[in-house]
Amino acid sequence: MKLTNLNIARCLQLLAAVPLVLLLLFYRWHRSAAIPIATICPNHQYTVEIVSQSPLVIYINNFLSQKEVSWLLEEGQSRYKRMLTYQGNSLADDAIPDEGKTSSSAYLSKSDPVVACIGQRALDFHGGTQRVLGDYGNPQLVKYEPGQKNDLHFDWWMMPQNRSGRLYNRRTTILAYLDDNCTRGETYFPLINGMNDSSTECQRTGLFASWEYESNL
């Protein structure tokens, strides 16, 4: 089944209908995202499609293998907790429940070989200095039940954060679909043109949606 740009964009609108999503937050700071020495990552192949150039949104087909998807779903099954929101502009602020964000999340360890290979694959996709110097936040699974939501928000910090003596901020968000049931719900990107309700296709398991932040947004 061929995906057109409009169909791809519409699939992004349906993200909130996906019961489970893997979220990787990439940072602009100097720290290697190390893979355990004993880990041998598979030579996994994928293809990309550009949904929007400004802001940059990229659709990545088959970024995850079925084995990786199955492992992630099983690993996160017992870890879900209510998502929290930082009440300020710093990691030092308190994180409390927020009625604008009612989904659940499960954090995964970057030291796990499967997660490490997925993370390195994402860094390699970025290329350049992001691959050599970059790091990424702890991957998390996000689960939406009927009626749950995540209101409009920015993933980056308004002011760079300081960790281990280095300033950093979130550069890119990458979402992977771990379940391809697209009944109801949507994710709304207000600055992306081309959304069209006349053509809808379900997202497929293993797809990644990646977007990079722009300073004027």
Protein backbone atom coordinates (compact mmCIF):
# COMPACT_ATOMS: atom_id res chain seq x y z
CA MET A 1 0.00 0.00 0.00
CA LYS A 2 1.61 3.26 -1.13
CA LEU A 3 1.67 6.24 1.22
CA THR A 4 1.33 9.73 -0.24
CA ASN A 5 2.50 12.84 1.60
CA LEU A 6 -1.08 13.62 2.63
CA ASN A 7 -1.64 10.08 3.87
CA ILE A 8 1.60 10.20 5.84
CA ALA A 9 0.64 13.51 7.38
CA ARG A 10 -2.77 12.16 8.31
CA CYS A 11 -1.15 9.16 9.97
CA LEU A 12 0.73 11.59 12.20
CA GLN A 13 -2.62 13.06 13.22
CA LEU A 14 -3.69 9.65 14.48
CA LEU A 15 -0.77 9.15 16.85
CA ALA A 16 -2.79 9.48 20.06
CA ALA A 17 -4.83 6.46 19.02
CA VAL A 18 -1.75 4.26 19.27
CA PRO A 19 -1.84 2.42 22.58
CA LEU A 20 1.96 2.34 22.92
CA VAL A 21 4.61 4.72 21.63
CA LEU A 22 8.37 4.82 22.08
CA LEU A 23 9.60 8.35 22.70
CA LEU A 24 13.26 9.37 22.30
CA LEU A 25 14.29 12.92 23.16
CA PHE A 26 17.60 13.96 21.65
CA TYR A 27 19.84 16.49 23.39
CA ARG A 28 22.46 18.97 22.18
CA TRP A 29 25.23 18.13 24.57
CA HIS A 30 28.60 16.40 24.52
CA ARG A 31 28.26 12.90 25.84
CA SER A 32 28.50 9.63 23.96
CA ALA A 33 25.49 7.34 23.97
CA ALA A 34 27.56 4.25 24.70
CA ILE A 35 26.50 0.80 23.54
CA PRO A 36 27.54 -2.15 25.75
CA ILE A 37 30.74 -3.69 24.35
CA ALA A 38 29.19 -7.15 24.00
CA THR A 39 26.24 -5.83 22.00
CA ILE A 40 26.21 -6.51 18.26
CA CYS A 41 23.51 -4.41 16.65
CA PRO A 42 21.75 -5.79 13.55
CA ASN A 43 22.23 -4.09 10.19
CA HIS A 44 18.63 -2.96 10.05
CA GLN A 45 17.32 -1.30 6.86
CA TYR A 46 14.66 1.40 6.64
CA THR A 47 13.39 4.09 4.27
CA VAL A 48 12.42 7.72 4.87
CA GLU A 49 9.79 10.14 3.56
CA ILE A 50 9.74 13.89 4.23
CA VAL A 51 6.34 15.10 5.43
CA SER A 52 7.28 18.74 6.06
CA GLN A 53 10.48 20.72 5.49
CA SER A 54 9.62 23.59 7.81
CA PRO A 55 9.15 22.52 10.49
CA LEU A 56 11.11 19.40 9.59
CA VAL A 57 9.03 16.23 9.99
CA ILE A 58 10.27 12.90 8.62
CA TYR A 59 8.41 9.59 8.36
CA ILE A 60 10.72 6.57 8.78
CA ASN A 61 9.41 3.26 7.50
CA ASN A 62 10.42 0.01 9.25
CA PHE A 63 12.75 1.69 11.72
CA LEU A 64 12.07 -1.05 14.28
CA SER A 65 12.08 -4.78 13.67
CA GLN A 66 9.17 -6.91 14.82
CA LYS A 67 11.43 -8.55 17.41
CA GLU A 68 12.34 -5.14 18.83
CA VAL A 69 8.69 -4.09 18.94
CA SER A 70 7.68 -7.27 20.77
CA TRP A 71 10.50 -6.88 23.27
CA LEU A 72 9.65 -3.23 24.00
CA LEU A 73 5.98 -4.03 24.57
CA GLU A 74 6.84 -6.84 26.96
CA GLU A 75 9.57 -4.92 28.79
CA GLY A 76 7.37 -1.92 29.52
CA GLN A 77 4.27 -3.85 30.51
CA SER A 78 4.80 -3.62 34.29
CA ARG A 79 6.45 -0.17 34.38
CA TYR A 80 3.67 2.22 33.46
CA LYS A 81 3.02 5.20 35.73
CA ARG A 82 1.01 8.40 35.35
CA MET A 83 2.96 10.96 33.34
CA LEU A 84 4.15 14.02 35.27
CA THR A 85 4.87 17.60 34.20
CA TYR A 86 7.66 19.81 35.52
CA GLN A 87 6.13 22.89 37.14
CA GLY A 88 8.68 25.37 35.91
CA ASN A 89 11.53 25.64 33.45
CA SER A 90 14.07 23.32 35.01
CA LEU A 91 14.65 19.67 35.85
CA ALA A 92 15.10 20.85 39.43
CA ASP A 93 11.43 21.86 39.65
CA ASP A 94 8.79 19.53 41.04
CA ALA A 95 7.08 17.15 38.63
CA ILE A 96 3.39 16.69 39.40
CA PRO A 97 0.29 15.23 37.69
CA ASP A 98 -1.14 17.55 35.04
CA GLU A 99 -4.73 17.36 33.76
CA GLY A 100 -3.42 18.37 30.34
CA LYS A 101 -1.31 15.21 30.19
CA THR A 102 -3.24 12.15 31.34
CA SER A 103 -1.39 9.30 29.59
CA SER A 104 0.95 6.79 31.25
CA SER A 105 4.65 6.23 30.58
CA ALA A 106 7.27 3.56 31.24
CA TYR A 107 10.96 4.49 31.21
CA LEU A 108 13.50 2.05 29.78
CA SER A 109 17.21 1.71 30.55
CA LYS A 110 19.64 2.90 27.87
CA SER A 111 22.09 0.22 29.06
CA ASP A 112 19.81 -2.55 27.80
CA PRO A 113 21.27 -3.97 24.55
CA VAL A 114 18.00 -3.68 22.59
CA VAL A 115 17.38 -0.09 23.68
CA ALA A 116 21.05 0.79 23.09
CA CYS A 117 20.90 -0.48 19.50
CA ILE A 118 17.70 1.46 18.79
CA GLY A 119 19.22 4.59 20.32
CA GLN A 120 22.41 4.25 18.30
CA ARG A 121 20.37 3.69 15.15
CA ALA A 122 18.53 6.95 15.85
CA LEU A 123 21.81 8.80 16.43
CA ASP A 124 23.20 7.39 13.18
CA PHE A 125 20.06 8.60 11.40
CA HIS A 126 20.83 12.15 12.58
CA GLY A 127 24.44 11.86 11.41
CA GLY A 128 27.11 14.54 11.78
CA THR A 129 27.91 16.00 15.18
CA GLN A 130 24.69 14.64 16.67
CA ARG A 131 25.96 11.10 16.06
CA VAL A 132 29.49 11.81 17.30
CA LEU A 133 28.75 14.09 20.25
CA GLY A 134 25.07 13.61 20.88
CA ASP A 135 23.11 11.80 23.52
CA TYR A 136 19.44 11.09 24.01
CA GLY A 137 17.09 11.15 26.95
CA ASN A 138 15.88 7.97 28.60
CA PRO A 139 13.53 6.23 26.15
CA GLN A 140 10.01 5.84 27.37
CA LEU A 141 6.89 4.03 26.27
CA VAL A 142 3.74 6.15 26.32
CA LYS A 143 0.31 4.55 26.56
CA TYR A 144 -3.02 6.24 25.81
CA GLU A 145 -6.26 4.73 27.07
CA PRO A 146 -9.68 5.91 25.79
CA GLY A 147 -10.28 9.53 26.83
CA GLN A 148 -6.65 10.25 27.70
CA LYS A 149 -4.75 13.11 26.09
CA ASN A 150 -1.61 15.23 25.93
CA ASP A 151 -2.44 18.88 25.26
CA LEU A 152 -0.44 21.13 22.91
CA HIS A 153 3.06 21.56 24.29
CA PHE A 154 6.74 22.01 23.45
CA ASP A 155 9.19 19.18 24.14
CA TRP A 156 12.20 21.48 24.45
CA TRP A 157 13.10 23.61 27.45
CA MET A 158 12.69 27.37 27.15
CA MET A 159 16.12 27.70 28.80
CA PRO A 160 18.99 25.19 28.28
CA GLN A 161 19.42 22.74 31.14
CA ASN A 162 22.66 21.99 32.97
CA ARG A 163 23.64 18.41 33.63
CA SER A 164 27.17 17.20 34.46
CA GLY A 165 28.43 20.74 33.91
CA ARG A 166 27.18 20.95 30.31
CA LEU A 167 24.30 22.95 28.88
CA TYR A 168 21.89 21.06 26.66
CA ASN A 169 18.41 21.17 25.22
CA ARG A 170 16.11 18.80 23.38
CA ARG A 171 16.79 18.97 19.67
CA THR A 172 14.56 16.28 18.19
CA THR A 173 11.61 14.12 19.19
CA ILE A 174 11.25 10.68 17.65
CA LEU A 175 8.11 8.59 18.06
CA ALA A 176 7.80 4.95 17.05
CA TYR A 177 4.49 3.15 16.63
CA LEU A 178 4.50 -0.11 18.57
CA ASP A 179 0.88 -0.95 17.81
CA ASP A 180 -0.93 -0.20 14.56
CA ASN A 181 -4.50 0.15 15.80
CA CYS A 182 -5.55 3.64 14.71
CA THR A 183 -9.11 3.81 15.99
CA ARG A 184 -9.96 7.38 17.02
CA GLY A 185 -7.65 10.05 18.41
CA GLU A 186 -5.06 12.25 16.73
CA THR A 187 -1.85 14.18 17.20
CA TYR A 188 -2.12 17.76 15.99
CA PHE A 189 0.86 19.61 14.51
CA PRO A 190 -0.48 23.16 14.04
CA LEU A 191 2.41 24.39 11.84
CA ILE A 192 2.38 21.53 9.32
CA ASN A 193 0.48 22.17 6.08
CA GLY A 194 -1.21 19.49 4.01
CA MET A 195 -3.35 17.73 6.60
CA ASN A 196 -6.36 16.36 4.73
CA ASP A 197 -9.27 14.45 6.25
CA SER A 198 -10.28 13.00 2.88
CA SER A 199 -7.51 10.40 2.90
CA THR A 200 -6.60 8.29 5.91
CA GLU A 201 -4.37 5.28 6.32
CA CYS A 202 -3.42 3.54 9.54
CA GLN A 203 0.17 3.80 10.70
CA ARG A 204 2.09 0.54 10.63
CA THR A 205 4.04 -1.08 13.44
CA GLY A 206 7.73 -0.13 13.42
CA LEU A 207 7.28 3.29 11.81
CA PHE A 208 9.10 6.29 13.28
CA ALA A 209 8.00 9.91 13.08
CA SER A 210 10.81 12.40 13.67
CA TRP A 211 10.69 16.16 13.92
CA GLU A 212 13.32 18.79 14.72
CA TYR A 213 12.66 21.97 16.66
CA GLU A 214 13.10 25.43 15.15
CA SER A 215 14.07 28.48 17.18
CA ASN A 216 11.19 30.57 15.83
CA LEU A 217 8.42 28.11 16.80
